[in-house]
Amino acid sequence: MLELYKWHLGLAVPENAIREVKAVAVTDCLFCRIVNKEIPAAIVYEDDSFMVINDINPAAPVHLLIIPRIHIASLNEAGVEDTEILGKLQLLAAQMADVAGIAGQGYRLVNNIGEWGGQTIRHLHYHLLGGKQLGWPPE
């Protein structure tokens, strides 16, 4: 457990934790193509690190997708080197909830990972959902 803790602090990296260098874009990735503006999308916000778009099949009155510009296939492929982008993603989600007017009543932030988790696009992204009472469990 101590090794895992050290790994998260960036002090030591177990051999099995070495990851590939992240790609800025992958040519056959839908979200990479949207981020590169090869495919049109309803852009709500963008900066050097992220693009936020409206989901084309919304599951709530507010349904935004927060997409890092760098290609990381899923949270399982993220590493210690991605700590900053993951933290910024969380803060951006809260800011977008505020801008969308759903922060006060509450919202849900969802990250699907893998087939059983419901991930359909292999590019890390978060769903920001709100604007109505959301049930639990989600199914």
Protein backbone atom coordinates (compact mmCIF):
# COMPACT_ATOMS: atom_id res chain seq x y z
CA MET A 1 0.00 0.00 0.00
CA LEU A 2 2.88 2.35 0.75
CA GLU A 3 4.22 1.86 -2.79
CA LEU A 4 0.83 2.81 -4.23
CA TYR A 5 0.80 5.93 -2.03
CA LYS A 6 4.32 6.86 -3.17
CA TRP A 7 3.30 6.26 -6.77
CA HIS A 8 0.37 8.68 -6.43
CA LEU A 9 2.71 11.29 -4.99
CA GLY A 10 5.06 10.76 -7.91
CA LEU A 11 7.83 9.52 -5.62
CA ALA A 12 8.15 6.04 -7.08
CA VAL A 13 6.57 4.37 -10.08
CA PRO A 14 6.04 0.60 -10.01
CA GLU A 15 7.25 -1.08 -13.21
CA ASN A 16 3.72 -2.22 -14.07
CA ALA A 17 2.45 1.39 -13.82
CA ILE A 18 4.53 2.82 -16.68
CA ARG A 19 2.15 4.25 -19.26
CA GLU A 20 2.38 5.26 -22.87
CA VAL A 21 2.85 8.94 -23.64
CA LYS A 22 -0.58 10.46 -24.21
CA ALA A 23 -1.48 11.46 -27.74
CA VAL A 24 -2.73 14.96 -28.41
CA ALA A 25 -5.17 13.49 -30.95
CA VAL A 26 -6.08 10.10 -32.38
CA THR A 27 -7.31 10.22 -35.97
CA ASP A 28 -10.16 7.71 -35.57
CA CYS A 29 -11.43 9.17 -32.25
CA LEU A 30 -14.75 11.02 -32.51
CA PHE A 31 -13.94 13.40 -29.65
CA CYS A 32 -10.44 14.16 -31.00
CA ARG A 33 -12.08 15.07 -34.29
CA ILE A 34 -14.64 17.29 -32.52
CA VAL A 35 -11.91 18.98 -30.45
CA ASN A 36 -9.96 19.62 -33.67
CA LYS A 37 -13.17 21.01 -35.23
CA GLU A 38 -13.22 18.41 -37.99
CA ILE A 39 -16.76 17.52 -36.88
CA PRO A 40 -19.22 20.24 -35.86
CA ALA A 41 -20.56 20.41 -32.32
CA ALA A 42 -22.52 22.86 -30.17
CA ILE A 43 -19.56 24.32 -28.26
CA VAL A 44 -20.45 25.81 -24.88
CA TYR A 45 -16.88 26.54 -23.72
CA GLU A 46 -13.32 25.93 -24.82
CA ASP A 47 -9.81 26.74 -23.69
CA ASP A 48 -6.32 25.33 -24.25
CA SER A 49 -7.09 22.16 -22.26
CA PHE A 50 -10.82 21.44 -22.67
CA MET A 51 -13.86 21.68 -24.85
CA VAL A 52 -17.39 21.58 -23.44
CA ILE A 53 -20.23 20.70 -25.80
CA ASN A 54 -23.93 19.95 -25.60
CA ASP A 55 -24.69 16.22 -25.74
CA ILE A 56 -26.52 15.34 -28.98
CA ASN A 57 -28.75 12.89 -27.09
CA PRO A 58 -29.42 14.65 -23.76
CA ALA A 59 -30.51 12.61 -20.74
CA ALA A 60 -31.43 15.74 -18.75
CA PRO A 61 -32.39 19.36 -19.49
CA VAL A 62 -28.71 20.24 -19.03
CA HIS A 63 -26.37 17.61 -20.46
CA LEU A 64 -22.87 18.80 -21.24
CA LEU A 65 -19.81 16.78 -22.22
CA ILE A 66 -16.51 17.98 -20.79
CA ILE A 67 -13.71 16.72 -23.03
CA PRO A 68 -9.97 17.10 -22.48
CA ARG A 69 -8.16 18.11 -25.66
CA ILE A 70 -5.45 15.54 -24.96
CA HIS A 71 -6.43 11.96 -25.83
CA ILE A 72 -6.67 9.69 -22.80
CA ALA A 73 -8.74 6.60 -23.62
CA SER A 74 -10.37 6.36 -20.17
CA LEU A 75 -9.72 6.97 -16.50
CA ASN A 76 -8.06 3.54 -16.42
CA GLU A 77 -5.38 4.85 -18.78
CA ALA A 78 -4.79 8.07 -16.81
CA GLY A 79 -1.61 8.23 -14.77
CA VAL A 80 0.07 10.40 -12.19
CA GLU A 81 1.15 12.71 -15.00
CA ASP A 82 -2.55 13.45 -15.64
CA THR A 83 -3.30 14.63 -12.10
CA GLU A 84 -3.42 18.30 -13.09
CA ILE A 85 -5.77 17.79 -16.04
CA LEU A 86 -8.08 15.58 -13.93
CA GLY A 87 -8.21 18.20 -11.18
CA LYS A 88 -8.91 20.97 -13.67
CA LEU A 89 -11.66 18.84 -15.18
CA GLN A 90 -13.41 18.62 -11.80
CA LEU A 91 -13.17 22.37 -11.24
CA LEU A 92 -14.37 23.11 -14.76
CA ALA A 93 -17.40 20.87 -14.16
CA ALA A 94 -18.35 22.94 -11.10
CA GLN A 95 -17.89 26.17 -13.07
CA MET A 96 -20.00 24.88 -15.96
CA ALA A 97 -22.74 23.83 -13.50
CA ASP A 98 -22.74 27.36 -12.13
CA VAL A 99 -22.86 28.93 -15.60
CA ALA A 100 -25.68 26.55 -16.63
CA GLY A 101 -27.66 27.55 -13.52
CA ILE A 102 -27.77 24.07 -11.98
CA ALA A 103 -25.15 24.38 -9.23
CA GLY A 104 -27.60 25.52 -6.57
CA GLN A 105 -30.12 22.69 -6.97
CA GLY A 106 -27.48 20.06 -7.65
CA TYR A 107 -26.16 18.06 -10.56
CA ARG A 108 -24.48 14.80 -11.44
CA LEU A 109 -20.99 14.36 -12.89
CA VAL A 110 -20.57 11.00 -14.64
CA ASN A 111 -17.51 9.32 -16.08
CA ASN A 112 -18.20 6.00 -17.82
CA ILE A 113 -15.28 3.57 -17.95
CA GLY A 114 -15.16 0.47 -20.12
CA GLU A 115 -17.91 -1.54 -21.75
CA TRP A 116 -19.72 -2.51 -18.54
CA GLY A 117 -19.48 1.05 -17.28
CA GLY A 118 -21.26 2.30 -20.40
CA GLN A 119 -18.31 3.96 -22.14
CA THR A 120 -19.05 4.16 -25.87
CA ILE A 121 -16.32 6.59 -26.97
CA ARG A 122 -12.76 5.71 -25.97
CA HIS A 123 -11.77 9.26 -25.01
CA LEU A 124 -11.99 10.38 -21.39
CA HIS A 125 -14.95 12.71 -20.92
CA TYR A 126 -17.41 13.64 -18.21
CA HIS A 127 -21.15 14.08 -18.50
CA LEU A 128 -22.55 17.02 -16.54
CA LEU A 129 -26.26 16.40 -15.96
CA GLY A 130 -28.83 18.54 -14.22
CA GLY A 131 -31.87 20.75 -14.50
CA LYS A 132 -34.20 18.14 -12.98
CA GLN A 133 -34.38 15.77 -10.03
CA LEU A 134 -32.08 12.85 -10.87
CA GLY A 135 -32.95 9.42 -9.53
CA TRP A 136 -30.75 6.96 -7.69
CA PRO A 137 -29.62 4.42 -8.58
CA PRO A 138 -29.06 5.82 -12.07
CA GLU A 139 -30.71 2.93 -13.97
